[in-house]
Amino acid sequence: MGEVSVVGTTDKVLEILVMDMNGRTVATFTGTDHFNIANLSSAAYIVRIKTQHDNTEKITYLKLIKK
């Protein structure tokens, strides 16, 4: 598994942070709705996605498990 895409929203993706389960940022992606996690170890991660619609920003947290 390497390439991951954000789906289910038409909002503009501003930033994606991938964090370990202790909340430490391990990867940051800006201005894109897809990212590559091939270089990350097999583990569970928290993904923080910041989106924007009109002038309103929204933050969504998801759990990502890399096997």
C-alpha atoms as a PDB file:
ATOM      1  CA  MET A   1       0.000   0.000   0.000  1.00  0.00           C
ATOM      2  CA  GLY A   2       1.409   3.353  -0.917  1.00  0.00           C
ATOM      3  CA  GLU A   3      -0.898   5.882  -2.549  1.00  0.00           C
ATOM      4  CA  VAL A   4      -3.869   7.112  -0.481  1.00  0.00           C
ATOM      5  CA  SER A   5      -6.609   9.445  -1.782  1.00  0.00           C
ATOM      6  CA  VAL A   6      -9.108  11.591   0.090  1.00  0.00           C
ATOM      7  CA  VAL A   7     -12.589  10.796  -1.246  1.00  0.00           C
ATOM      8  CA  GLY A   8     -16.119  11.728  -0.254  1.00  0.00           C
ATOM      9  CA  THR A   9     -15.734  15.498  -0.271  1.00  0.00           C
ATOM     10  CA  THR A  10     -15.838  18.189  -2.907  1.00  0.00           C
ATOM     11  CA  ASP A  11     -14.138  20.660  -0.563  1.00  0.00           C
ATOM     12  CA  LYS A  12     -10.612  21.826  -1.323  1.00  0.00           C
ATOM     13  CA  VAL A  13      -8.019  19.859   0.665  1.00  0.00           C
ATOM     14  CA  LEU A  14      -5.585  22.339   2.214  1.00  0.00           C
ATOM     15  CA  GLU A  15      -3.411  20.084   4.350  1.00  0.00           C
ATOM     16  CA  ILE A  16      -2.999  16.458   5.358  1.00  0.00           C
ATOM     17  CA  LEU A  17      -1.060  15.502   8.487  1.00  0.00           C
ATOM     18  CA  VAL A  18      -0.206  11.885   9.207  1.00  0.00           C
ATOM     19  CA  MET A  19       0.490  11.317  12.903  1.00  0.00           C
ATOM     20  CA  ASP A  20       1.533   8.311  14.938  1.00  0.00           C
ATOM     21  CA  MET A  21      -0.759   7.155  17.724  1.00  0.00           C
ATOM     22  CA  ASN A  22       1.115   9.414  20.180  1.00  0.00           C
ATOM     23  CA  GLY A  23       0.177  12.487  18.119  1.00  0.00           C
ATOM     24  CA  ARG A  24       3.622  13.102  16.617  1.00  0.00           C
ATOM     25  CA  THR A  25       3.532  14.271  13.003  1.00  0.00           C
ATOM     26  CA  VAL A  26       5.321  11.799  10.715  1.00  0.00           C
ATOM     27  CA  ALA A  27       4.318  13.296   7.339  1.00  0.00           C
ATOM     28  CA  THR A  28       2.762  16.514   6.022  1.00  0.00           C
ATOM     29  CA  PHE A  29       1.181  17.114   2.613  1.00  0.00           C
ATOM     30  CA  THR A  30      -0.215  20.441   1.384  1.00  0.00           C
ATOM     31  CA  GLY A  31      -2.372  21.395  -1.573  1.00  0.00           C
ATOM     32  CA  THR A  32      -3.173  17.818  -2.594  1.00  0.00           C
ATOM     33  CA  ASP A  33      -5.957  15.299  -2.039  1.00  0.00           C
ATOM     34  CA  HIS A  34      -3.677  12.261  -2.276  1.00  0.00           C
ATOM     35  CA  PHE A  35      -0.495  11.208  -0.523  1.00  0.00           C
ATOM     36  CA  ASN A  36       2.026   8.383  -0.416  1.00  0.00           C
ATOM     37  CA  ILE A  37       2.720   6.373   2.737  1.00  0.00           C
ATOM     38  CA  ALA A  38       5.086   3.814   1.222  1.00  0.00           C
ATOM     39  CA  ASN A  39       7.953   5.052   3.394  1.00  0.00           C
ATOM     40  CA  LEU A  40       6.002   4.683   6.668  1.00  0.00           C
ATOM     41  CA  SER A  41       6.268   1.612   8.889  1.00  0.00           C
ATOM     42  CA  SER A  42       3.389  -0.821   9.295  1.00  0.00           C
ATOM     43  CA  ALA A  43       1.294   0.682  12.083  1.00  0.00           C
ATOM     44  CA  ALA A  44      -1.882   2.567  12.904  1.00  0.00           C
ATOM     45  CA  TYR A  45      -1.878   6.301  12.161  1.00  0.00           C
ATOM     46  CA  ILE A  46      -4.151   9.289  12.721  1.00  0.00           C
ATOM     47  CA  VAL A  47      -4.786  11.359   9.596  1.00  0.00           C
ATOM     48  CA  ARG A  48      -5.801  14.998  10.079  1.00  0.00           C
ATOM     49  CA  ILE A  49      -7.398  16.499   6.955  1.00  0.00           C
ATOM     50  CA  LYS A  50      -7.995  20.250   6.736  1.00  0.00           C
ATOM     51  CA  THR A  51     -10.474  21.246   4.017  1.00  0.00           C
ATOM     52  CA  GLN A  52     -12.012  24.522   2.907  1.00  0.00           C
ATOM     53  CA  HIS A  53     -15.414  25.313   1.436  1.00  0.00           C
ATOM     54  CA  ASP A  54     -16.010  28.983   0.607  1.00  0.00           C
ATOM     55  CA  ASN A  55     -14.353  30.716   3.588  1.00  0.00           C
ATOM     56  CA  THR A  56     -15.011  27.949   6.107  1.00  0.00           C
ATOM     57  CA  GLU A  57     -12.274  25.532   7.138  1.00  0.00           C
ATOM     58  CA  LYS A  58     -13.069  22.075   8.483  1.00  0.00           C
ATOM     59  CA  ILE A  59     -10.804  19.532  10.177  1.00  0.00           C
ATOM     60  CA  THR A  60     -11.517  15.815  10.015  1.00  0.00           C
ATOM     61  CA  TYR A  61      -9.633  13.038  11.789  1.00  0.00           C
ATOM     62  CA  LEU A  62      -9.436   9.519  10.403  1.00  0.00           C
ATOM     63  CA  LYS A  63      -7.653   6.345  11.440  1.00  0.00           C
ATOM     64  CA  LEU A  64      -5.353   4.730   8.883  1.00  0.00           C
ATOM     65  CA  ILE A  65      -3.873   1.265   9.312  1.00  0.00           C
ATOM     66  CA  LYS A  66      -0.878   0.369   7.166  1.00  0.00           C
ATOM     67  CA  LYS A  67      -0.211  -3.351   6.996  1.00  0.00           C
END
